[in-house]
């Protein structure tokens, strides 16, 4: 059950990112105001908040990309046998 919730959450996140990137591309191609024009002033107004968000995103990406060396989410799947 919890695996399905996580899977759907990640799928929704990547779907939202794809839609945001599509909107940004469309805005740039049609000379509309892109999302970047809204984000840049917010970052300049609140640099500490932007820094904290960047750190949290970096920690989350690092957590999921560089997971445990063994276990359910590792490439090996199980703990390697101990060397004798």
N, C-alpha and C. Protein backbone atom coordinates (compact mmCIF):
# COMPACT_ATOMS: atom_id res chain seq x y z
N UNK A 1 0.82 -1.20 0.00
CA UNK A 1 0.00 0.00 0.00
C UNK A 1 0.87 1.26 0.00
N UNK A 2 1.84 1.33 0.92
CA UNK A 2 2.66 2.53 1.01
C UNK A 2 3.53 2.69 -0.24
N UNK A 3 3.92 1.58 -0.85
CA UNK A 3 4.69 1.64 -2.09
C UNK A 3 3.89 2.25 -3.22
N UNK A 4 2.60 1.94 -3.27
CA UNK A 4 1.74 2.53 -4.30
C UNK A 4 1.57 4.03 -4.09
N UNK A 5 1.42 4.45 -2.85
CA UNK A 5 1.28 5.88 -2.56
C UNK A 5 2.55 6.61 -2.97
N UNK A 6 3.70 6.07 -2.64
CA UNK A 6 4.97 6.68 -3.01
C UNK A 6 5.12 6.73 -4.52
N UNK A 7 4.76 5.65 -5.20
CA UNK A 7 4.86 5.60 -6.65
C UNK A 7 3.97 6.65 -7.31
N UNK A 8 2.74 6.78 -6.85
CA UNK A 8 1.83 7.78 -7.41
C UNK A 8 2.30 9.19 -7.10
N UNK A 9 2.87 9.40 -5.93
CA UNK A 9 3.38 10.73 -5.56
C UNK A 9 4.54 11.12 -6.48
N UNK A 10 5.46 10.22 -6.70
CA UNK A 10 6.59 10.50 -7.58
C UNK A 10 6.11 10.73 -9.01
N UNK A 11 5.15 9.93 -9.46
CA UNK A 11 4.60 10.10 -10.80
C UNK A 11 3.92 11.46 -10.94
N UNK A 12 3.17 11.87 -9.92
CA UNK A 12 2.52 13.18 -9.95
C UNK A 12 3.54 14.31 -9.95
N UNK A 13 4.61 14.15 -9.18
CA UNK A 13 5.66 15.16 -9.13
C UNK A 13 6.32 15.33 -10.50
N UNK A 14 6.69 14.23 -11.13
CA UNK A 14 7.30 14.31 -12.45
C UNK A 14 6.31 14.83 -13.50
N UNK A 15 5.05 14.50 -13.36
CA UNK A 15 4.04 15.05 -14.25
C UNK A 15 3.91 16.56 -14.11
N UNK A 16 3.92 17.05 -12.87
CA UNK A 16 3.85 18.49 -12.63
C UNK A 16 5.08 19.20 -13.19
N UNK A 17 6.25 18.61 -12.99
CA UNK A 17 7.49 19.19 -13.53
C UNK A 17 7.43 19.24 -15.05
N UNK A 18 6.92 18.20 -15.67
CA UNK A 18 6.79 18.17 -17.13
C UNK A 18 5.84 19.26 -17.62
N UNK A 19 4.73 19.44 -16.93
CA UNK A 19 3.79 20.49 -17.32
C UNK A 19 4.40 21.88 -17.14
N UNK A 20 5.14 22.09 -16.06
CA UNK A 20 5.79 23.38 -15.85
C UNK A 20 6.84 23.66 -16.93
N UNK A 21 7.61 22.64 -17.30
CA UNK A 21 8.59 22.82 -18.36
C UNK A 21 7.92 23.07 -19.71
N UNK A 22 6.80 22.41 -19.96
CA UNK A 22 6.06 22.66 -21.20
C UNK A 22 5.53 24.09 -21.24
N UNK A 23 5.00 24.57 -20.10
CA UNK A 23 4.52 25.95 -20.05
C UNK A 23 5.65 26.94 -20.25
N UNK A 24 6.79 26.69 -19.63
CA UNK A 24 7.95 27.58 -19.79
C UNK A 24 8.38 27.63 -21.25
N UNK A 25 8.41 26.49 -21.91
CA UNK A 25 8.78 26.46 -23.33
C UNK A 25 7.77 27.21 -24.18
N UNK A 26 6.49 26.97 -23.92
CA UNK A 26 5.45 27.66 -24.67
C UNK A 26 5.54 29.17 -24.47
N UNK A 27 5.76 29.61 -23.22
CA UNK A 27 5.84 31.04 -22.93
C UNK A 27 7.04 31.67 -23.64
N UNK A 28 8.15 30.98 -23.67
CA UNK A 28 9.33 31.53 -24.36
C UNK A 28 9.12 31.59 -25.87
N UNK A 29 8.46 30.60 -26.43
CA UNK A 29 8.24 30.57 -27.87
C UNK A 29 7.20 31.57 -28.34
N UNK A 30 6.24 31.92 -27.49
CA UNK A 30 5.16 32.83 -27.88
C UNK A 30 5.32 34.22 -27.28
N UNK A 31 6.49 34.50 -26.71
CA UNK A 31 6.77 35.81 -26.10
C UNK A 31 5.81 36.18 -24.98
N UNK A 32 5.38 35.19 -24.22
CA UNK A 32 4.57 35.42 -23.03
C UNK A 32 5.52 35.51 -21.83
N UNK A 33 4.98 35.83 -20.67
CA UNK A 33 5.81 35.93 -19.46
C UNK A 33 6.04 34.53 -18.90
N UNK A 34 7.30 34.04 -18.88
CA UNK A 34 7.57 32.69 -18.38
C UNK A 34 7.60 32.65 -16.85
N UNK A 35 7.63 31.45 -16.31
CA UNK A 35 7.67 31.24 -14.86
C UNK A 35 8.92 31.88 -14.26
N UNK A 36 10.00 31.91 -15.02
CA UNK A 36 11.26 32.48 -14.55
C UNK A 36 11.09 33.93 -14.12
N UNK A 37 10.22 34.67 -14.81
CA UNK A 37 10.00 36.07 -14.46
C UNK A 37 9.29 36.24 -13.13
N UNK A 38 8.64 35.19 -12.64
CA UNK A 38 8.02 35.23 -11.32
C UNK A 38 8.98 34.74 -10.23
N UNK A 39 9.81 33.77 -10.57
CA UNK A 39 10.71 33.17 -9.59
C UNK A 39 11.88 34.09 -9.26
N UNK A 40 12.48 34.70 -10.27
CA UNK A 40 13.67 35.51 -10.05
C UNK A 40 13.44 36.65 -9.04
N UNK A 41 12.36 37.45 -9.13
CA UNK A 41 12.15 38.49 -8.12
C UNK A 41 11.92 37.93 -6.72
N UNK A 42 11.27 36.78 -6.64
CA UNK A 42 11.05 36.16 -5.33
C UNK A 42 12.37 35.73 -4.70
N UNK A 43 13.29 35.21 -5.51
CA UNK A 43 14.59 34.79 -5.00
C UNK A 43 15.39 36.00 -4.55
N UNK A 44 15.30 37.09 -5.29
CA UNK A 44 16.02 38.31 -4.90
C UNK A 44 15.42 38.93 -3.64
N UNK A 45 14.11 38.81 -3.47
CA UNK A 45 13.45 39.38 -2.29
C UNK A 45 13.70 38.54 -1.04
N UNK A 46 13.78 37.23 -1.18
CA UNK A 46 13.94 36.32 -0.04
C UNK A 46 15.07 35.32 -0.32
N UNK A 47 16.33 35.76 -0.31
CA UNK A 47 17.43 34.85 -0.65
C UNK A 47 17.62 33.73 0.36
N UNK A 48 17.35 33.97 1.63
CA UNK A 48 17.50 32.92 2.64
C UNK A 48 16.51 31.79 2.41
N UNK A 49 15.28 32.15 2.10
CA UNK A 49 14.25 31.15 1.83
C UNK A 49 14.61 30.33 0.60
N UNK A 50 15.12 30.98 -0.45
CA UNK A 50 15.54 30.27 -1.65
C UNK A 50 16.70 29.33 -1.35
N UNK A 51 17.61 29.77 -0.48
CA UNK A 51 18.74 28.92 -0.10
C UNK A 51 18.26 27.67 0.63
N UNK A 52 17.34 27.83 1.55
CA UNK A 52 16.81 26.69 2.30
C UNK A 52 16.10 25.72 1.36
N UNK A 53 15.32 26.23 0.43
CA UNK A 53 14.63 25.36 -0.54
C UNK A 53 15.64 24.59 -1.38
N UNK A 54 16.72 25.27 -1.81
CA UNK A 54 17.74 24.60 -2.62
C UNK A 54 18.44 23.51 -1.82
N UNK A 55 18.72 23.76 -0.55
CA UNK A 55 19.36 22.74 0.30
C UNK A 55 18.44 21.54 0.48
N UNK A 56 17.17 21.78 0.76
CA UNK A 56 16.22 20.67 0.96
C UNK A 56 16.07 19.84 -0.32
N UNK A 57 15.97 20.49 -1.47
CA UNK A 57 15.87 19.76 -2.74
C UNK A 57 17.14 18.94 -2.97
N UNK A 58 18.30 19.53 -2.69
CA UNK A 58 19.55 18.80 -2.84
C UNK A 58 19.64 17.59 -1.93
N UNK A 59 19.18 17.74 -0.69
CA UNK A 59 19.19 16.61 0.24
C UNK A 59 18.26 15.50 -0.25
N UNK A 60 17.07 15.88 -0.72
CA UNK A 60 16.12 14.87 -1.21
C UNK A 60 16.64 14.16 -2.45
N UNK A 61 17.21 14.90 -3.38
CA UNK A 61 17.77 14.27 -4.58
C UNK A 61 18.91 13.34 -4.20
N UNK A 62 19.79 13.79 -3.32
CA UNK A 62 20.89 12.95 -2.87
C UNK A 62 20.41 11.71 -2.15
N UNK A 63 19.36 11.86 -1.37
CA UNK A 63 18.82 10.72 -0.62
C UNK A 63 18.31 9.63 -1.56
N UNK A 64 17.62 10.04 -2.62
CA UNK A 64 17.03 9.05 -3.51
C UNK A 64 18.01 8.55 -4.56
N UNK A 65 18.97 9.35 -4.97
CA UNK A 65 19.93 8.89 -5.97
C UNK A 65 21.05 8.06 -5.37
N UNK A 66 21.47 8.42 -4.17
CA UNK A 66 22.56 7.69 -3.52
C UNK A 66 22.00 6.99 -2.29
N UNK A 67 21.20 5.98 -2.55
CA UNK A 67 20.53 5.24 -1.48
C UNK A 67 21.47 4.25 -0.82
N UNK A 68 20.91 3.33 -0.08
CA UNK A 68 21.72 2.36 0.65
C UNK A 68 22.45 1.40 -0.30
N UNK A 69 23.56 0.85 0.20
CA UNK A 69 24.35 -0.08 -0.61
C UNK A 69 23.67 -1.44 -0.71
N UNK A 70 22.77 -1.73 0.20
CA UNK A 70 22.02 -2.98 0.13
C UNK A 70 20.63 -2.74 0.68
N UNK A 71 19.74 -3.65 0.38
CA UNK A 71 18.37 -3.52 0.85
C UNK A 71 17.40 -3.52 -0.30
N UNK A 72 16.17 -3.18 0.02
CA UNK A 72 15.08 -3.26 -0.94
C UNK A 72 15.27 -2.32 -2.13
N UNK A 73 15.89 -1.16 -1.92
CA UNK A 73 16.03 -0.17 -2.99
C UNK A 73 17.39 -0.15 -3.65
N UNK A 74 18.26 -1.07 -3.29
CA UNK A 74 19.60 -1.07 -3.87
C UNK A 74 19.63 -1.87 -5.17
N UNK A 75 20.64 -1.64 -6.00
CA UNK A 75 20.76 -2.42 -7.23
C UNK A 75 20.97 -3.91 -6.96
N UNK A 76 21.66 -4.24 -5.85
CA UNK A 76 21.91 -5.65 -5.55
C UNK A 76 20.68 -6.33 -4.98
N UNK A 77 19.84 -5.59 -4.29
CA UNK A 77 18.61 -6.15 -3.74
C UNK A 77 18.74 -6.75 -2.36
N UNK A 78 19.85 -7.40 -2.07
CA UNK A 78 20.03 -8.01 -0.74
C UNK A 78 21.42 -7.67 -0.23
N UNK A 79 21.63 -7.86 1.04
CA UNK A 79 22.94 -7.61 1.63
C UNK A 79 23.93 -8.66 1.14
N UNK A 80 25.10 -8.21 0.67
CA UNK A 80 26.10 -9.18 0.20
C UNK A 80 26.61 -10.03 1.35
N UNK A 81 27.01 -11.27 1.05
CA UNK A 81 27.52 -12.13 2.11
C UNK A 81 28.84 -11.55 2.66
N UNK A 82 29.06 -11.78 3.94
CA UNK A 82 30.25 -11.29 4.60
C UNK A 82 31.47 -11.99 4.04
N UNK A 83 32.54 -11.23 3.88
CA UNK A 83 33.80 -11.83 3.43
C UNK A 83 34.48 -12.53 4.58
N UNK A 84 35.01 -13.70 4.32
CA UNK A 84 35.68 -14.47 5.39
C UNK A 84 37.17 -14.41 5.24
